[in-house]
Structures are given as C-alpha cells and as structure tokens.
C-alpha cells in the first residue's frame, strides 16, 4: 500500500460518505487517490477536503479533453501534515463547459482556471478575471481541444542536401534497396 492508497485512509472514505453519500466516488488512478463528483458538488468537495481533511495546499488545476461529450476538470491538492495528495475530478459537458470558480476556496486556482479557460474553453463562473493568459491577442480557438485544427505547415524546401550526394557534390547517396521479402518489381520505377 502506498501512502496515498484510499484503503490507507478510512477517515477519507468515511468523511466523504458522511458529507456526500454516494455522490463522491473514490478510486485509485495512477498511484493517486482520485475523488470524482458531479459539477454541482465541485466547490463543496474542494471546501471539504481543505477544511475537514487538511488538504490546504492547492497544487494545480487543468482540463482534459475526453471526446466526444465531456471535458474533465482535474485539481491536485496536498495535505502537508500527512504528506498525502488527492486528485479531485469532475466532468463538464462539451456543449456547455461551465463550472463555478474555485478561487474562493483556493486562491491559487486563479491562474490555472484562466489557463484552462483559454486552452480548453471551460468557463469558470464567478472568476474575478477570466481573461486570456498565454496566447497572443486575437488568437481564435482553444488549442488543447482534440478537435482544434492546427495551421497547415508552409511547404518550404530545405536549404541543404537531405542525403549525402543529393546536392550534386560530395559522396554519392546510399544505394536504394527494397526491404527483405519485397519483389523487385514493386516500388518506384528506376529513373
């Protein structure tokens, strides 16, 4: 068992069961204890783990694009006295990605919510300054969404030779051979 194993902390499960009933799901995910709640319970969960369980240190918050229907919003908090960490997670619908701001619970959520808003388009209702943070002025779209279309690369020839000998001077290029088992008449015609 790790120090972060949910079986190691019956107080965590009991406290969550008392406050949330079956609305909070505790699991183990990638070595961390993860608590999932509905968006309506998001602020209550953040407040509960901070005030009742000692997770006073806010580490980070981000979004995860989970096509086709939702974005996960994930927060990582830490209890310095116990040396334990938690992942707190909720899911918001893709067609209306809204969640109440966590800035009133953890002031450190401010910058992270702005970044998540900018990169994923999740709107944090009640945020004191939900404006773009990282991208240039006028940037359109949310670049960490999986459906964001990247700008096409500009086709530009490489200024140098790609292979030895292709520039017309220097050593000749490597002999072109087919992979083992490929018939000789397959492949590009000899020029």
C-alpha atoms as a PDB file:
ATOM      1  CA  UNK A   1       0.000   0.000   0.000  1.00  0.00           C
ATOM      2  CA  UNK A   2       1.193   3.470  -0.783  1.00  0.00           C
ATOM      3  CA  UNK A   3       0.792   6.447   1.496  1.00  0.00           C
ATOM      4  CA  UNK A   4      -1.855   7.653  -0.907  1.00  0.00           C
ATOM      5  CA  UNK A   5      -3.860   4.403  -1.027  1.00  0.00           C
ATOM      6  CA  UNK A   6      -7.547   5.013  -0.289  1.00  0.00           C
ATOM      7  CA  UNK A   7      -7.528   1.849   1.848  1.00  0.00           C
ATOM      8  CA  UNK A   8      -4.908   3.551   3.988  1.00  0.00           C
ATOM      9  CA  UNK A   9      -7.328   6.332   4.896  1.00  0.00           C
ATOM     10  CA  UNK A  10     -10.676   5.113   6.173  1.00  0.00           C
ATOM     11  CA  UNK A  11     -11.179   8.623   7.562  1.00  0.00           C
ATOM     12  CA  UNK A  12     -11.167   9.929   3.967  1.00  0.00           C
ATOM     13  CA  UNK A  13     -13.838   7.488   2.828  1.00  0.00           C
ATOM     14  CA  UNK A  14     -15.926   7.943   5.986  1.00  0.00           C
ATOM     15  CA  UNK A  15     -15.720  11.720   5.802  1.00  0.00           C
ATOM     16  CA  UNK A  16     -16.718  11.755   2.137  1.00  0.00           C
ATOM     17  CA  UNK A  17     -19.540   9.269   2.736  1.00  0.00           C
ATOM     18  CA  UNK A  18     -20.867  11.413   5.576  1.00  0.00           C
ATOM     19  CA  UNK A  19     -20.767  14.637   3.558  1.00  0.00           C
ATOM     20  CA  UNK A  20     -21.548  13.390   0.044  1.00  0.00           C
ATOM     21  CA  UNK A  21     -23.147   9.952   0.397  1.00  0.00           C
ATOM     22  CA  UNK A  22     -22.704   8.101  -2.870  1.00  0.00           C
ATOM     23  CA  UNK A  23     -22.199  11.354  -4.827  1.00  0.00           C
ATOM     24  CA  UNK A  24     -18.405  11.135  -4.348  1.00  0.00           C
ATOM     25  CA  UNK A  25     -16.581   8.188  -5.894  1.00  0.00           C
ATOM     26  CA  UNK A  26     -13.119   7.327  -4.521  1.00  0.00           C
ATOM     27  CA  UNK A  27     -10.703   5.365  -6.694  1.00  0.00           C
ATOM     28  CA  UNK A  28      -7.021   4.788  -7.294  1.00  0.00           C
ATOM     29  CA  UNK A  29      -5.684   6.312 -10.520  1.00  0.00           C
ATOM     30  CA  UNK A  30      -2.021   6.206 -11.496  1.00  0.00           C
ATOM     31  CA  UNK A  31      -0.920   5.903  -7.874  1.00  0.00           C
ATOM     32  CA  UNK A  32      -3.051   8.772  -6.611  1.00  0.00           C
ATOM     33  CA  UNK A  33      -6.321   8.739  -4.746  1.00  0.00           C
ATOM     34  CA  UNK A  34      -8.937  10.241  -7.041  1.00  0.00           C
ATOM     35  CA  UNK A  35     -12.310  11.621  -5.997  1.00  0.00           C
ATOM     36  CA  UNK A  36     -14.952  12.140  -8.672  1.00  0.00           C
ATOM     37  CA  UNK A  37     -18.009  14.334  -8.162  1.00  0.00           C
ATOM     38  CA  UNK A  38     -20.666  15.970 -10.301  1.00  0.00           C
ATOM     39  CA  UNK A  39     -20.134  19.645 -11.215  1.00  0.00           C
ATOM     40  CA  UNK A  40     -22.810  20.662  -8.692  1.00  0.00           C
ATOM     41  CA  UNK A  41     -20.631  19.208  -5.883  1.00  0.00           C
ATOM     42  CA  UNK A  42     -17.308  20.645  -7.120  1.00  0.00           C
ATOM     43  CA  UNK A  43     -16.997  23.575  -4.702  1.00  0.00           C
ATOM     44  CA  UNK A  44     -18.348  21.528  -1.810  1.00  0.00           C
ATOM     45  CA  UNK A  45     -15.694  18.863  -2.445  1.00  0.00           C
ATOM     46  CA  UNK A  46     -12.882  21.423  -2.629  1.00  0.00           C
ATOM     47  CA  UNK A  47     -14.047  23.074   0.563  1.00  0.00           C
ATOM     48  CA  UNK A  48     -14.494  19.741   2.354  1.00  0.00           C
ATOM     49  CA  UNK A  49     -11.022  18.380   1.594  1.00  0.00           C
ATOM     50  CA  UNK A  50      -9.455  21.698   2.587  1.00  0.00           C
ATOM     51  CA  UNK A  51     -11.372  22.308   5.829  1.00  0.00           C
ATOM     52  CA  UNK A  52     -12.169  18.794   7.086  1.00  0.00           C
ATOM     53  CA  UNK A  53      -9.292  16.718   5.730  1.00  0.00           C
ATOM     54  CA  UNK A  54      -6.360  19.157   5.831  1.00  0.00           C
ATOM     55  CA  UNK A  55      -5.626  19.406   2.096  1.00  0.00           C
ATOM     56  CA  UNK A  56      -4.662  23.057   2.401  1.00  0.00           C
ATOM     57  CA  UNK A  57      -2.119  23.230  -0.425  1.00  0.00           C
ATOM     58  CA  UNK A  58      -3.518  23.769  -3.923  1.00  0.00           C
ATOM     59  CA  UNK A  59      -1.029  22.439  -6.468  1.00  0.00           C
ATOM     60  CA  UNK A  60      -2.649  22.678  -9.915  1.00  0.00           C
ATOM     61  CA  UNK A  61      -5.848  22.519 -11.951  1.00  0.00           C
ATOM     62  CA  UNK A  62      -6.268  21.658 -15.614  1.00  0.00           C
ATOM     63  CA  UNK A  63      -8.657  20.283 -18.194  1.00  0.00           C
ATOM     64  CA  UNK A  64      -8.624  17.014 -20.101  1.00  0.00           C
ATOM     65  CA  UNK A  65     -10.462  16.682 -23.392  1.00  0.00           C
ATOM     66  CA  UNK A  66     -12.477  13.450 -23.335  1.00  0.00           C
ATOM     67  CA  UNK A  67     -14.302  13.309 -26.668  1.00  0.00           C
ATOM     68  CA  UNK A  68     -16.980  13.177 -27.770  1.00  0.00           C
ATOM     69  CA  UNK A  69     -19.059  14.599 -24.933  1.00  0.00           C
ATOM     70  CA  UNK A  70     -17.104  15.989 -21.956  1.00  0.00           C
ATOM     71  CA  UNK A  71     -14.114  17.785 -20.520  1.00  0.00           C
ATOM     72  CA  UNK A  72     -12.684  16.595 -17.231  1.00  0.00           C
ATOM     73  CA  UNK A  73     -11.532  19.296 -14.843  1.00  0.00           C
ATOM     74  CA  UNK A  74      -8.873  17.940 -12.505  1.00  0.00           C
ATOM     75  CA  UNK A  75      -7.375  19.594  -9.426  1.00  0.00           C
ATOM     76  CA  UNK A  76      -4.413  18.324  -7.412  1.00  0.00           C
ATOM     77  CA  UNK A  77      -4.293  19.196  -3.704  1.00  0.00           C
ATOM     78  CA  UNK A  78      -1.856  18.246  -0.949  1.00  0.00           C
ATOM     79  CA  UNK A  79      -2.028  17.730   2.818  1.00  0.00           C
ATOM     80  CA  UNK A  80       1.398  18.865   4.119  1.00  0.00           C
ATOM     81  CA  UNK A  81       0.883  17.461   7.636  1.00  0.00           C
ATOM     82  CA  UNK A  82       0.024  13.962   6.392  1.00  0.00           C
ATOM     83  CA  UNK A  83       2.181  14.059   3.249  1.00  0.00           C
ATOM     84  CA  UNK A  84      -0.824  12.938   1.157  1.00  0.00           C
ATOM     85  CA  UNK A  85      -2.149  14.156  -2.140  1.00  0.00           C
ATOM     86  CA  UNK A  86      -5.522  13.920  -3.865  1.00  0.00           C
ATOM     87  CA  UNK A  87      -6.770  14.282  -7.404  1.00  0.00           C
ATOM     88  CA  UNK A  88     -10.206  15.864  -7.488  1.00  0.00           C
ATOM     89  CA  UNK A  89     -12.134  15.475 -10.710  1.00  0.00           C
ATOM     90  CA  UNK A  90     -15.421  16.460 -12.291  1.00  0.00           C
ATOM     91  CA  UNK A  91     -16.766  16.372 -15.840  1.00  0.00           C
ATOM     92  CA  UNK A  92     -18.488  19.214 -17.674  1.00  0.00           C
ATOM     93  CA  UNK A  93     -20.454  18.798 -20.916  1.00  0.00           C
ATOM     94  CA  UNK A  94     -18.645  19.771 -24.097  1.00  0.00           C
ATOM     95  CA  UNK A  95     -21.594  21.792 -25.409  1.00  0.00           C
ATOM     96  CA  UNK A  96     -21.726  23.978 -22.255  1.00  0.00           C
ATOM     97  CA  UNK A  97     -18.423  23.635 -20.351  1.00  0.00           C
ATOM     98  CA  UNK A  98     -19.184  25.638 -17.194  1.00  0.00           C
ATOM     99  CA  UNK A  99     -18.043  25.187 -13.619  1.00  0.00           C
ATOM    100  CA  UNK A 100     -18.101  27.510 -10.605  1.00  0.00           C
ATOM    101  CA  UNK A 101     -14.729  29.077  -9.878  1.00  0.00           C
ATOM    102  CA  UNK A 102     -12.562  27.579  -7.133  1.00  0.00           C
ATOM    103  CA  UNK A 103     -10.785  30.883  -6.438  1.00  0.00           C
ATOM    104  CA  UNK A 104     -12.892  31.458  -3.305  1.00  0.00           C
ATOM    105  CA  UNK A 105     -11.677  28.127  -1.887  1.00  0.00           C
ATOM    106  CA  UNK A 106      -8.086  28.089  -3.172  1.00  0.00           C
ATOM    107  CA  UNK A 107      -6.703  31.444  -4.313  1.00  0.00           C
ATOM    108  CA  UNK A 108      -4.051  29.598  -6.305  1.00  0.00           C
ATOM    109  CA  UNK A 109      -6.740  28.331  -8.679  1.00  0.00           C
ATOM    110  CA  UNK A 110      -6.914  31.777 -10.317  1.00  0.00           C
ATOM    111  CA  UNK A 111      -4.120  31.358 -12.866  1.00  0.00           C
ATOM    112  CA  UNK A 112      -4.941  27.697 -13.528  1.00  0.00           C
ATOM    113  CA  UNK A 113      -8.590  28.439 -14.278  1.00  0.00           C
ATOM    114  CA  UNK A 114      -7.564  31.202 -16.674  1.00  0.00           C
ATOM    115  CA  UNK A 115      -5.248  28.792 -18.477  1.00  0.00           C
ATOM    116  CA  UNK A 116      -7.918  26.065 -18.609  1.00  0.00           C
ATOM    117  CA  UNK A 117     -10.424  28.597 -19.938  1.00  0.00           C
ATOM    118  CA  UNK A 118      -8.013  29.690 -22.642  1.00  0.00           C
ATOM    119  CA  UNK A 119      -6.749  26.257 -23.682  1.00  0.00           C
ATOM    120  CA  UNK A 120      -9.977  24.212 -23.382  1.00  0.00           C
ATOM    121  CA  UNK A 121     -12.809  26.765 -23.310  1.00  0.00           C
ATOM    122  CA  UNK A 122     -14.093  25.777 -19.854  1.00  0.00           C
ATOM    123  CA  UNK A 123     -15.880  28.787 -18.345  1.00  0.00           C
ATOM    124  CA  UNK A 124     -15.407  29.276 -14.600  1.00  0.00           C
ATOM    125  CA  UNK A 125     -18.467  31.183 -13.429  1.00  0.00           C
ATOM    126  CA  UNK A 126     -17.672  33.878 -10.879  1.00  0.00           C
ATOM    127  CA  UNK A 127     -13.954  34.029 -11.679  1.00  0.00           C
ATOM    128  CA  UNK A 128     -12.629  37.506 -10.825  1.00  0.00           C
ATOM    129  CA  UNK A 129     -10.657  37.970 -14.066  1.00  0.00           C
ATOM    130  CA  UNK A 130     -11.344  35.245 -16.633  1.00  0.00           C
ATOM    131  CA  UNK A 131      -9.291  36.703 -19.490  1.00  0.00           C
ATOM    132  CA  UNK A 132      -6.716  35.089 -21.793  1.00  0.00           C
ATOM    133  CA  UNK A 133      -3.366  34.469 -20.184  1.00  0.00           C
ATOM    134  CA  UNK A 134      -0.873  32.864 -22.564  1.00  0.00           C
ATOM    135  CA  UNK A 135      -1.904  33.156 -26.197  1.00  0.00           C
ATOM    136  CA  UNK A 136      -1.370  36.228 -28.381  1.00  0.00           C
ATOM    137  CA  UNK A 137      -4.125  38.826 -28.702  1.00  0.00           C
ATOM    138  CA  UNK A 138      -6.698  37.847 -31.286  1.00  0.00           C
ATOM    139  CA  UNK A 139      -5.963  34.109 -31.116  1.00  0.00           C
ATOM    140  CA  UNK A 140      -9.098  32.153 -32.001  1.00  0.00           C
ATOM    141  CA  UNK A 141      -9.937  28.729 -30.645  1.00  0.00           C
ATOM    142  CA  UNK A 142      -8.800  26.515 -27.799  1.00  0.00           C
ATOM    143  CA  UNK A 143      -5.568  24.756 -28.805  1.00  0.00           C
ATOM    144  CA  UNK A 144      -5.647  21.859 -26.305  1.00  0.00           C
ATOM    145  CA  UNK A 145      -9.003  20.581 -27.521  1.00  0.00           C
ATOM    146  CA  UNK A 146      -8.607  17.462 -29.595  1.00  0.00           C
ATOM    147  CA  UNK A 147     -10.803  18.939 -32.328  1.00  0.00           C
ATOM    148  CA  UNK A 148      -8.605  22.050 -32.702  1.00  0.00           C
ATOM    149  CA  UNK A 149      -7.245  22.156 -36.236  1.00  0.00           C
ATOM    150  CA  UNK A 150      -3.571  23.041 -36.420  1.00  0.00           C
ATOM    151  CA  UNK A 151      -2.495  25.547 -39.039  1.00  0.00           C
ATOM    152  CA  UNK A 152      -1.087  23.891 -42.129  1.00  0.00           C
ATOM    153  CA  UNK A 153       2.676  23.853 -42.399  1.00  0.00           C
ATOM    154  CA  UNK A 154       4.155  26.085 -45.013  1.00  0.00           C
ATOM    155  CA  UNK A 155       5.866  23.929 -47.621  1.00  0.00           C
ATOM    156  CA  UNK A 156       9.367  25.265 -47.912  1.00  0.00           C
ATOM    157  CA  UNK A 157      12.295  23.372 -49.402  1.00  0.00           C
ATOM    158  CA  UNK A 158      15.104  22.576 -47.031  1.00  0.00           C
ATOM    159  CA  UNK A 159      18.086  24.778 -47.922  1.00  0.00           C
ATOM    160  CA  UNK A 160      20.629  21.981 -47.563  1.00  0.00           C
ATOM    161  CA  UNK A 161      21.007  18.493 -49.005  1.00  0.00           C
ATOM    162  CA  UNK A 162      18.839  15.842 -47.380  1.00  0.00           C
ATOM    163  CA  UNK A 163      21.153  12.915 -48.119  1.00  0.00           C
ATOM    164  CA  UNK A 164      24.856  12.797 -48.899  1.00  0.00           C
ATOM    165  CA  UNK A 165      25.299  13.252 -52.649  1.00  0.00           C
ATOM    166  CA  UNK A 166      21.876  14.790 -53.350  1.00  0.00           C
ATOM    167  CA  UNK A 167      23.352  18.236 -53.686  1.00  0.00           C
ATOM    168  CA  UNK A 168      25.375  17.225 -56.764  1.00  0.00           C
ATOM    169  CA  UNK A 169      28.675  17.298 -54.936  1.00  0.00           C
ATOM    170  CA  UNK A 170      30.120  15.207 -52.190  1.00  0.00           C
ATOM    171  CA  UNK A 171      29.776  11.490 -51.644  1.00  0.00           C
ATOM    172  CA  UNK A 172      27.146   9.572 -53.627  1.00  0.00           C
ATOM    173  CA  UNK A 173      23.840   8.771 -51.971  1.00  0.00           C
ATOM    174  CA  UNK A 174      23.148   5.413 -50.419  1.00  0.00           C
ATOM    175  CA  UNK A 175      22.117   2.539 -52.594  1.00  0.00           C
ATOM    176  CA  UNK A 176      18.353   2.216 -52.698  1.00  0.00           C
ATOM    177  CA  UNK A 177      17.214  -1.270 -51.688  1.00  0.00           C
ATOM    178  CA  UNK A 178      13.849  -2.815 -51.016  1.00  0.00           C
ATOM    179  CA  UNK A 179      13.022  -4.380 -47.662  1.00  0.00           C
ATOM    180  CA  UNK A 180      13.508  -8.177 -47.407  1.00  0.00           C
ATOM    181  CA  UNK A 181      10.673 -10.172 -48.983  1.00  0.00           C
ATOM    182  CA  UNK A 182       9.520  -7.369 -51.323  1.00  0.00           C
ATOM    183  CA  UNK A 183       9.551  -8.385 -55.012  1.00  0.00           C
ATOM    184  CA  UNK A 184      11.935  -6.430 -57.238  1.00  0.00           C
ATOM    185  CA  UNK A 185       9.121  -5.137 -59.457  1.00  0.00           C
ATOM    186  CA  UNK A 186       7.409  -3.393 -56.509  1.00  0.00           C
ATOM    187  CA  UNK A 187       8.372   0.164 -55.715  1.00  0.00           C
ATOM    188  CA  UNK A 188       9.196   3.269 -57.703  1.00  0.00           C
ATOM    189  CA  UNK A 189      10.454   2.850 -61.264  1.00  0.00           C
ATOM    190  CA  UNK A 190      14.171   3.460 -61.791  1.00  0.00           C
ATOM    191  CA  UNK A 191      14.830   6.893 -63.150  1.00  0.00           C
END
